[in-house]
Amino acid sequence: GFSLWPAGNLVVISDVPVKVNVDYSGSTGETTPYGYGSDGFLTSHRMNDVFPANHKTRVMLTDEAGNRYYSPQYQIGVSDQCKDVKLSFTSGQLKWEL
């Protein structure tokens, strides 16, 4: 297990409407149920306190056609708690920024 505190906020900006799911399976290689998800297809998402520090996390985006896109795993430090962790999805490319 891991702790969801301290944590950062997840901000997703996309050029197409997508749903967002956060995956906490980390480096274990196991497929775990996705933790937090968004309801609707939007080009901008914000989820507070869903990005745990010191834990490898990835995000799955699903577009309206049902295509799934997986971000690389990303990890923030304890000093990044409460900050916005940004994931941009543009022209099919996923990019992390802090």
Protein backbone atom coordinates (compact mmCIF):
# COMPACT_ATOMS: atom_id res chain seq x y z
CA GLY A 1 0.00 0.00 0.00
CA PHE A 2 0.89 3.65 -0.18
CA SER A 3 -0.38 6.89 1.20
CA LEU A 4 -2.31 9.50 -0.75
CA TRP A 5 -0.75 12.14 1.51
CA PRO A 6 1.24 14.18 0.89
CA ALA A 7 -0.07 14.68 -2.62
CA GLY A 8 -0.16 17.08 -5.52
CA ASN A 9 -3.02 18.10 -7.79
CA LEU A 10 -3.48 16.65 -11.25
CA VAL A 11 -4.24 19.05 -14.09
CA VAL A 12 -4.87 17.62 -17.56
CA ILE A 13 -5.05 19.84 -20.64
CA SER A 14 -6.01 18.14 -23.90
CA ASP A 15 -6.71 19.21 -27.45
CA VAL A 16 -9.53 16.65 -27.68
CA PRO A 17 -12.19 15.81 -25.08
CA VAL A 18 -10.99 12.95 -22.86
CA LYS A 19 -11.87 11.10 -19.67
CA VAL A 20 -9.11 10.78 -17.07
CA ASN A 21 -8.21 7.83 -14.85
CA VAL A 22 -5.30 7.77 -12.39
CA ASP A 23 -3.34 4.51 -12.01
CA TYR A 24 -1.47 3.82 -8.78
CA SER A 25 -0.01 0.40 -9.68
CA GLY A 26 3.43 2.02 -9.59
CA SER A 27 6.50 -0.02 -10.35
CA THR A 28 5.02 -3.37 -9.32
CA GLY A 29 3.94 -4.15 -12.87
CA GLU A 30 0.57 -5.32 -11.61
CA THR A 31 -2.60 -4.03 -13.13
CA THR A 32 -4.53 -2.45 -10.32
CA PRO A 33 -7.91 -0.84 -10.47
CA TYR A 34 -7.66 2.78 -11.44
CA GLY A 35 -7.96 5.04 -8.45
CA TYR A 36 -9.60 8.32 -9.31
CA GLY A 37 -11.45 9.14 -12.50
CA SER A 38 -13.35 11.93 -14.14
CA ASP A 39 -16.94 11.63 -15.21
CA GLY A 40 -17.14 13.47 -18.49
CA PHE A 41 -15.20 14.01 -21.68
CA LEU A 42 -13.52 17.39 -21.27
CA THR A 43 -10.49 19.22 -22.63
CA SER A 44 -9.51 20.42 -19.16
CA HIS A 45 -9.54 18.43 -15.93
CA ARG A 46 -8.47 19.26 -12.41
CA MET A 47 -8.34 16.75 -9.55
CA ASN A 48 -7.01 17.90 -6.19
CA ASP A 49 -4.79 15.75 -3.95
CA VAL A 50 -4.76 12.69 -6.21
CA PHE A 51 -1.04 12.63 -7.09
CA PRO A 52 0.87 10.97 -4.22
CA ALA A 53 4.45 11.96 -3.44
CA ASN A 54 7.19 9.34 -3.80
CA HIS A 55 4.99 6.95 -5.76
CA LYS A 56 5.11 6.20 -9.45
CA THR A 57 1.78 7.19 -10.96
CA ARG A 58 0.42 7.16 -14.47
CA VAL A 59 -2.71 8.43 -16.13
CA MET A 60 -4.97 6.82 -18.71
CA LEU A 61 -6.88 9.10 -21.05
CA THR A 62 -9.85 7.82 -23.03
CA ASP A 63 -11.24 9.76 -25.98
CA GLU A 64 -14.83 9.75 -27.17
CA ALA A 65 -14.04 7.04 -29.74
CA GLY A 66 -12.86 4.75 -26.93
CA ASN A 67 -9.14 4.99 -27.72
CA ARG A 68 -6.91 4.79 -24.64
CA TYR A 69 -3.68 6.69 -24.13
CA TYR A 70 -1.29 5.95 -21.28
CA SER A 71 1.12 8.50 -19.88
CA PRO A 72 4.62 7.53 -18.82
CA GLN A 73 4.90 6.96 -15.08
CA TYR A 74 5.73 10.10 -13.13
CA GLN A 75 6.79 10.68 -9.57
CA ILE A 76 6.82 13.84 -7.48
CA GLY A 77 8.65 14.56 -4.25
CA VAL A 78 7.28 15.51 -0.85
CA SER A 79 8.37 19.11 -1.54
CA ASP A 80 5.93 19.14 -4.49
CA GLN A 81 2.85 18.49 -2.34
CA CYS A 82 -0.09 20.79 -3.05
CA LYS A 83 1.47 21.83 -6.36
CA ASP A 84 -0.20 21.29 -9.74
CA VAL A 85 1.22 18.38 -11.72
CA LYS A 86 0.33 19.08 -15.34
CA LEU A 87 -0.20 16.51 -18.06
CA SER A 88 -0.67 17.88 -21.56
CA PHE A 89 -2.12 15.78 -24.36
CA THR A 90 -1.54 17.44 -27.73
CA SER A 91 -1.59 15.78 -31.15
CA GLY A 92 -1.46 12.38 -29.47
CA GLN A 93 1.61 13.22 -27.36
CA LEU A 94 1.55 13.07 -23.56
CA LYS A 95 3.93 15.31 -21.64
CA TRP A 96 4.42 15.88 -17.91
CA GLU A 97 5.25 19.26 -16.37
CA LEU A 98 5.60 20.37 -12.79
